[in-house]
Every structure is written in C-alpha cells, then in structure tokens.
Amino acid sequence: MKIDALSPLPIASEPFRWDRQKFVPSAAGCYVLTTFSGDILYVGLAIDIQRRMGQHLETPAKRAPTPQGRAVTFHWLLCSDLEKVERTWMNIHIEHEGRLPYLNGAYSPVGI
C-alpha cells in the first residue's frame, strides 16, 4: 500500500538516514517508514519522533531490505491523539493489504 492512501496524511518527511535525523522534530507524533516508491513498511507512534527515528536507524531489521524494498523515507504527522492515528493507519493498511505493514507484522505481538 502506498503512503498517499493514509488518512490523515503525514505532513512532512526526511530521508531515513542519520544525517537527516536532526531535521525531524522532537515532538509527539505518528510516523511511517516507506520504500523509495512509497510502499509502507512500518507504522508507529512516539512521544519524541526524532529520538524514535534514531532508534529505528540503530535497528538492523529496519534498515535491511524487505520483500517490498528498503526503508528510505521517514514520514510524520505531529498529533496529540497518537493511539487513534496509529490505529487508523494500521486499519487502513489492513483494509488494503489484508495484513499489518511488513515490519509491524514481523515484530508485533499482534502481528498477522
């Protein structure tokens, strides 16, 4: 599923690289990791999305190739209703693909 199918849409993005982490705000929000072509690999939420991006960059599985491609872009939406937005995004993905995003499904306790 492509990122443009999400609602609400993320408002900003940066390349998923260490040198771009400083441009991601230290604020609460929901975020998405996508491939070069915009396929969603992971959906998450964090109180500090800048720090969370760094945690993902430290995780080899988040940087490794997947069957859909490698995570190359970190998109985000600043929001206060984190759980609602994250659940909405996951539900949209399940509706389109019949499963959680690849990296959520592989490591989630509720993975399909």
N, C-alpha and C. Protein backbone atom coordinates (compact mmCIF):
# COMPACT_ATOMS: atom_id res chain seq x y z
N MET A 1 0.84 -1.17 0.00
CA MET A 1 0.00 0.00 0.00
C MET A 1 0.89 1.24 0.00
N LYS A 2 0.49 2.22 -0.75
CA LYS A 2 1.24 3.48 -0.85
C LYS A 2 0.85 4.45 0.26
N ILE A 3 1.77 5.29 0.62
CA ILE A 3 1.56 6.24 1.71
C ILE A 3 0.42 7.22 1.43
N ASP A 4 0.18 7.54 0.18
CA ASP A 4 -0.87 8.52 -0.13
C ASP A 4 -2.29 7.99 0.13
N ALA A 5 -2.43 6.72 0.52
CA ALA A 5 -3.74 6.16 0.87
C ALA A 5 -4.07 6.40 2.35
N LEU A 6 -3.12 6.91 3.13
CA LEU A 6 -3.37 7.15 4.55
C LEU A 6 -4.23 8.38 4.77
N SER A 7 -4.99 8.35 5.85
CA SER A 7 -5.78 9.50 6.27
C SER A 7 -5.81 9.53 7.78
N PRO A 8 -5.38 10.61 8.39
CA PRO A 8 -4.81 11.81 7.77
C PRO A 8 -3.42 11.52 7.18
N LEU A 9 -3.04 12.32 6.21
CA LEU A 9 -1.73 12.14 5.59
C LEU A 9 -0.62 12.69 6.47
N PRO A 10 0.54 12.05 6.48
CA PRO A 10 1.70 12.66 7.16
C PRO A 10 1.99 14.02 6.52
N ILE A 11 2.51 14.95 7.33
CA ILE A 11 2.71 16.32 6.85
C ILE A 11 4.12 16.61 6.35
N ALA A 12 5.08 15.76 6.73
CA ALA A 12 6.47 16.03 6.37
C ALA A 12 7.24 14.72 6.25
N SER A 13 8.43 14.81 5.66
CA SER A 13 9.26 13.62 5.53
C SER A 13 10.73 14.02 5.40
N GLU A 14 11.57 13.07 5.73
CA GLU A 14 13.01 13.21 5.57
C GLU A 14 13.55 11.84 5.13
N PRO A 15 14.69 11.83 4.44
CA PRO A 15 15.33 10.55 4.14
C PRO A 15 15.63 9.82 5.45
N PHE A 16 15.49 8.51 5.43
CA PHE A 16 15.74 7.67 6.60
C PHE A 16 17.24 7.42 6.72
N ARG A 17 17.95 8.48 7.17
CA ARG A 17 19.41 8.44 7.31
C ARG A 17 19.81 9.23 8.55
N TRP A 18 20.95 8.85 9.14
CA TRP A 18 21.44 9.52 10.34
C TRP A 18 21.60 11.02 10.14
N ASP A 19 22.13 11.43 9.00
CA ASP A 19 22.40 12.86 8.79
C ASP A 19 21.14 13.69 8.63
N ARG A 20 19.97 13.06 8.52
CA ARG A 20 18.71 13.79 8.38
C ARG A 20 17.86 13.78 9.64
N GLN A 21 18.28 13.00 10.65
CA GLN A 21 17.51 12.88 11.89
C GLN A 21 17.33 14.25 12.57
N LYS A 22 18.32 15.11 12.49
CA LYS A 22 18.25 16.42 13.15
C LYS A 22 17.14 17.30 12.60
N PHE A 23 16.60 16.97 11.43
CA PHE A 23 15.53 17.76 10.82
C PHE A 23 14.14 17.26 11.20
N VAL A 24 14.08 16.18 11.96
CA VAL A 24 12.81 15.65 12.45
C VAL A 24 12.56 16.27 13.83
N PRO A 25 11.36 16.78 14.10
CA PRO A 25 11.13 17.45 15.38
C PRO A 25 11.14 16.49 16.57
N SER A 26 11.55 17.02 17.71
CA SER A 26 11.47 16.28 18.97
C SER A 26 10.09 16.57 19.55
N ALA A 27 9.10 15.92 19.00
CA ALA A 27 7.71 16.16 19.39
C ALA A 27 6.92 14.87 19.25
N ALA A 28 5.73 14.85 19.82
CA ALA A 28 4.86 13.68 19.74
C ALA A 28 4.23 13.59 18.35
N GLY A 29 4.15 12.36 17.86
CA GLY A 29 3.53 12.18 16.57
C GLY A 29 3.49 10.73 16.13
N CYS A 30 2.90 10.52 15.00
CA CYS A 30 2.87 9.21 14.36
C CYS A 30 3.76 9.29 13.13
N TYR A 31 4.32 8.15 12.75
CA TYR A 31 5.28 8.16 11.66
C TYR A 31 5.16 6.87 10.84
N VAL A 32 5.73 6.92 9.64
CA VAL A 32 5.68 5.81 8.70
C VAL A 32 7.04 5.69 8.02
N LEU A 33 7.53 4.47 7.90
CA LEU A 33 8.71 4.19 7.09
C LEU A 33 8.24 3.67 5.75
N THR A 34 8.78 4.21 4.67
CA THR A 34 8.38 3.77 3.33
C THR A 34 9.59 3.45 2.46
N THR A 35 9.31 2.71 1.40
CA THR A 35 10.31 2.41 0.39
C THR A 35 10.46 3.62 -0.54
N PHE A 36 11.39 3.52 -1.47
CA PHE A 36 11.59 4.56 -2.47
C PHE A 36 10.30 4.86 -3.23
N SER A 37 9.52 3.84 -3.52
CA SER A 37 8.29 4.03 -4.29
C SER A 37 7.08 4.36 -3.42
N GLY A 38 7.28 4.54 -2.11
CA GLY A 38 6.18 4.96 -1.24
C GLY A 38 5.39 3.83 -0.61
N ASP A 39 5.87 2.58 -0.73
CA ASP A 39 5.19 1.46 -0.09
C ASP A 39 5.45 1.52 1.42
N ILE A 40 4.40 1.35 2.21
CA ILE A 40 4.51 1.42 3.66
C ILE A 40 5.12 0.14 4.20
N LEU A 41 6.18 0.30 5.00
CA LEU A 41 6.84 -0.84 5.65
C LEU A 41 6.57 -0.89 7.15
N TYR A 42 6.32 0.28 7.76
CA TYR A 42 6.16 0.33 9.22
C TYR A 42 5.34 1.56 9.59
N VAL A 43 4.47 1.38 10.58
CA VAL A 43 3.67 2.47 11.15
C VAL A 43 3.95 2.49 12.65
N GLY A 44 4.18 3.68 13.20
CA GLY A 44 4.43 3.76 14.63
C GLY A 44 4.02 5.09 15.22
N LEU A 45 4.18 5.19 16.53
CA LEU A 45 3.91 6.43 17.26
C LEU A 45 5.02 6.63 18.27
N ALA A 46 5.23 7.88 18.69
CA ALA A 46 6.27 8.17 19.67
C ALA A 46 6.02 9.52 20.32
N ILE A 47 6.44 9.64 21.55
CA ILE A 47 6.40 10.92 22.25
C ILE A 47 7.46 11.85 21.67
N ASP A 48 8.57 11.29 21.19
CA ASP A 48 9.66 12.06 20.58
C ASP A 48 10.04 11.34 19.27
N ILE A 49 9.47 11.81 18.16
CA ILE A 49 9.69 11.10 16.89
C ILE A 49 11.13 11.22 16.41
N GLN A 50 11.84 12.28 16.77
CA GLN A 50 13.25 12.38 16.39
C GLN A 50 14.06 11.25 17.05
N ARG A 51 13.86 11.08 18.33
CA ARG A 51 14.57 10.01 19.04
C ARG A 51 14.17 8.64 18.50
N ARG A 52 12.87 8.46 18.20
CA ARG A 52 12.40 7.18 17.69
C ARG A 52 13.02 6.86 16.33
N MET A 53 13.18 7.88 15.49
CA MET A 53 13.84 7.65 14.21
C MET A 53 15.25 7.10 14.44
N GLY A 54 15.97 7.68 15.40
CA GLY A 54 17.31 7.19 15.72
C GLY A 54 17.29 5.75 16.21
N GLN A 55 16.29 5.40 17.02
CA GLN A 55 16.18 4.02 17.49
C GLN A 55 15.97 3.07 16.32
N HIS A 56 15.15 3.47 15.36
CA HIS A 56 14.95 2.63 14.18
C HIS A 56 16.22 2.53 13.34
N LEU A 57 16.96 3.62 13.23
CA LEU A 57 18.22 3.58 12.48
C LEU A 57 19.23 2.65 13.13
N GLU A 58 19.14 2.47 14.44
CA GLU A 58 20.03 1.55 15.15
C GLU A 58 19.59 0.10 15.03
N THR A 59 18.40 -0.15 14.52
CA THR A 59 17.85 -1.49 14.42
C THR A 59 18.14 -2.07 13.03
N PRO A 60 19.02 -3.07 12.93
CA PRO A 60 19.37 -3.62 11.62
C PRO A 60 18.16 -4.07 10.80
N ALA A 61 17.15 -4.64 11.43
CA ALA A 61 15.97 -5.12 10.69
C ALA A 61 15.23 -3.98 10.01
N LYS A 62 15.28 -2.78 10.58
CA LYS A 62 14.58 -1.63 9.98
C LYS A 62 15.35 -1.06 8.80
N ARG A 63 16.65 -1.33 8.73
CA ARG A 63 17.48 -0.84 7.63
C ARG A 63 17.70 -1.88 6.54
N ALA A 64 17.37 -3.13 6.85
CA ALA A 64 17.63 -4.22 5.91
C ALA A 64 16.58 -4.25 4.79
N PRO A 65 16.92 -4.83 3.66
CA PRO A 65 15.94 -4.99 2.59
C PRO A 65 14.79 -5.90 3.04
N THR A 66 13.60 -5.60 2.55
CA THR A 66 12.42 -6.43 2.77
C THR A 66 11.94 -6.91 1.40
N PRO A 67 10.96 -7.78 1.35
CA PRO A 67 10.43 -8.18 0.04
C PRO A 67 9.87 -6.99 -0.76
N GLN A 68 9.48 -5.91 -0.08
CA GLN A 68 8.94 -4.73 -0.76
C GLN A 68 10.02 -3.70 -1.09
N GLY A 69 11.18 -3.83 -0.49
CA GLY A 69 12.25 -2.86 -0.67
C GLY A 69 12.78 -2.40 0.68
N ARG A 70 13.72 -1.52 0.65
CA ARG A 70 14.37 -1.00 1.86
C ARG A 70 13.65 0.28 2.31
N ALA A 71 13.61 0.52 3.63
CA ALA A 71 13.06 1.77 4.16
C ALA A 71 14.00 2.92 3.80
N VAL A 72 13.49 3.91 3.08
CA VAL A 72 14.33 5.03 2.67
C VAL A 72 13.77 6.39 3.10
N THR A 73 12.50 6.44 3.51
CA THR A 73 11.89 7.72 3.90
C THR A 73 11.14 7.57 5.21
N PHE A 74 11.30 8.58 6.09
CA PHE A 74 10.63 8.67 7.38
C PHE A 74 9.62 9.81 7.27
N HIS A 75 8.33 9.49 7.30
CA HIS A 75 7.25 10.48 7.20
C HIS A 75 6.63 10.65 8.58
N TRP A 76 6.10 11.84 8.88
CA TRP A 76 5.45 12.02 10.18
C TRP A 76 4.30 13.00 10.14
N LEU A 77 3.49 12.87 11.20
CA LEU A 77 2.37 13.77 11.47
C LEU A 77 2.43 14.09 12.95
N LEU A 78 2.59 15.36 13.30
CA LEU A 78 2.56 15.76 14.71
C LEU A 78 1.11 15.72 15.17
N CYS A 79 0.86 15.09 16.31
CA CYS A 79 -0.51 14.97 16.80
C CYS A 79 -0.51 14.64 18.28
N SER A 80 -1.66 14.84 18.91
CA SER A 80 -1.79 14.52 20.33
C SER A 80 -2.55 13.22 20.54
N ASP A 81 -3.38 12.83 19.58
CA ASP A 81 -4.14 11.59 19.69
C ASP A 81 -3.38 10.44 19.00
N LEU A 82 -2.19 10.15 19.54
CA LEU A 82 -1.26 9.21 18.93
C LEU A 82 -1.88 7.85 18.65
N GLU A 83 -2.48 7.25 19.67
CA GLU A 83 -3.03 5.89 19.52
C GLU A 83 -4.11 5.83 18.45
N LYS A 84 -4.95 6.86 18.39
CA LYS A 84 -6.02 6.89 17.40
C LYS A 84 -5.47 6.96 15.98
N VAL A 85 -4.51 7.84 15.76
CA VAL A 85 -3.94 7.99 14.41
C VAL A 85 -3.19 6.72 14.02
N GLU A 86 -2.37 6.18 14.92
CA GLU A 86 -1.63 4.96 14.60
C GLU A 86 -2.60 3.82 14.27
N ARG A 87 -3.60 3.63 15.08
CA ARG A 87 -4.57 2.54 14.84
C ARG A 87 -5.31 2.77 13.53
N THR A 88 -5.67 4.01 13.23
CA THR A 88 -6.35 4.32 11.96
C THR A 88 -5.46 3.94 10.79
N TRP A 89 -4.18 4.32 10.84
CA TRP A 89 -3.25 3.99 9.76
C TRP A 89 -3.09 2.48 9.62
N MET A 90 -2.98 1.78 10.73
CA MET A 90 -2.84 0.32 10.65
C MET A 90 -4.11 -0.31 10.08
N ASN A 91 -5.27 0.18 10.50
CA ASN A 91 -6.52 -0.35 9.97
C ASN A 91 -6.65 -0.11 8.47
N ILE A 92 -6.24 1.06 8.01
CA ILE A 92 -6.27 1.35 6.57
C ILE A 92 -5.36 0.36 5.84
N HIS A 93 -4.18 0.12 6.39
CA HIS A 93 -3.25 -0.82 5.75
C HIS A 93 -3.85 -2.22 5.72
N ILE A 94 -4.43 -2.66 6.82
CA ILE A 94 -5.05 -3.99 6.87
C ILE A 94 -6.19 -4.08 5.86
N GLU A 95 -6.97 -3.01 5.74
CA GLU A 95 -8.08 -2.99 4.77
C GLU A 95 -7.57 -3.13 3.34
N HIS A 96 -6.45 -2.48 3.03
CA HIS A 96 -5.88 -2.53 1.67
C HIS A 96 -5.12 -3.81 1.39
N GLU A 97 -4.34 -4.27 2.38
CA GLU A 97 -3.40 -5.38 2.15
C GLU A 97 -3.79 -6.68 2.84
N GLY A 98 -4.75 -6.61 3.78
CA GLY A 98 -5.14 -7.81 4.49
C GLY A 98 -4.18 -8.20 5.61
N ARG A 99 -3.27 -7.30 5.96
CA ARG A 99 -2.27 -7.57 7.00
C ARG A 99 -1.65 -6.26 7.46
N LEU A 100 -0.91 -6.33 8.58
CA LEU A 100 -0.15 -5.17 9.04
C LEU A 100 0.99 -4.88 8.08
N PRO A 101 1.57 -3.66 8.14
CA PRO A 101 2.76 -3.40 7.33
C PRO A 101 3.84 -4.44 7.64
N TYR A 102 4.68 -4.73 6.67
CA TYR A 102 5.66 -5.81 6.77
C TYR A 102 6.47 -5.77 8.07
N LEU A 103 7.05 -4.63 8.40
CA LEU A 103 7.89 -4.56 9.59
C LEU A 103 7.09 -4.53 10.88
N ASN A 104 5.83 -4.12 10.84
CA ASN A 104 4.97 -4.23 12.02
C ASN A 104 4.58 -5.68 12.23
N GLY A 105 4.18 -6.35 11.18
CA GLY A 105 3.74 -7.73 11.28
C GLY A 105 4.84 -8.67 11.69
N ALA A 106 6.07 -8.37 11.32
CA ALA A 106 7.19 -9.25 11.63
C ALA A 106 7.58 -9.19 13.10
N TYR A 107 7.35 -8.04 13.75
CA TYR A 107 7.84 -7.85 15.12
C TYR A 107 6.75 -7.49 16.11
N SER A 108 5.51 -7.51 15.70
CA SER A 108 4.41 -7.11 16.58
C SER A 108 3.83 -8.29 17.32
N PRO A 109 3.49 -8.10 18.61
CA PRO A 109 2.84 -9.19 19.34
C PRO A 109 1.46 -9.50 18.80
N VAL A 110 0.88 -8.59 18.03
CA VAL A 110 -0.42 -8.84 17.42
C VAL A 110 -0.29 -9.02 15.91
N GLY A 111 0.91 -9.34 15.45
CA GLY A 111 1.16 -9.50 14.01
C GLY A 111 0.27 -10.55 13.38
N ILE A 112 -0.07 -10.29 12.14
CA ILE A 112 -0.93 -11.22 11.38
C ILE A 112 -0.04 -12.11 10.55
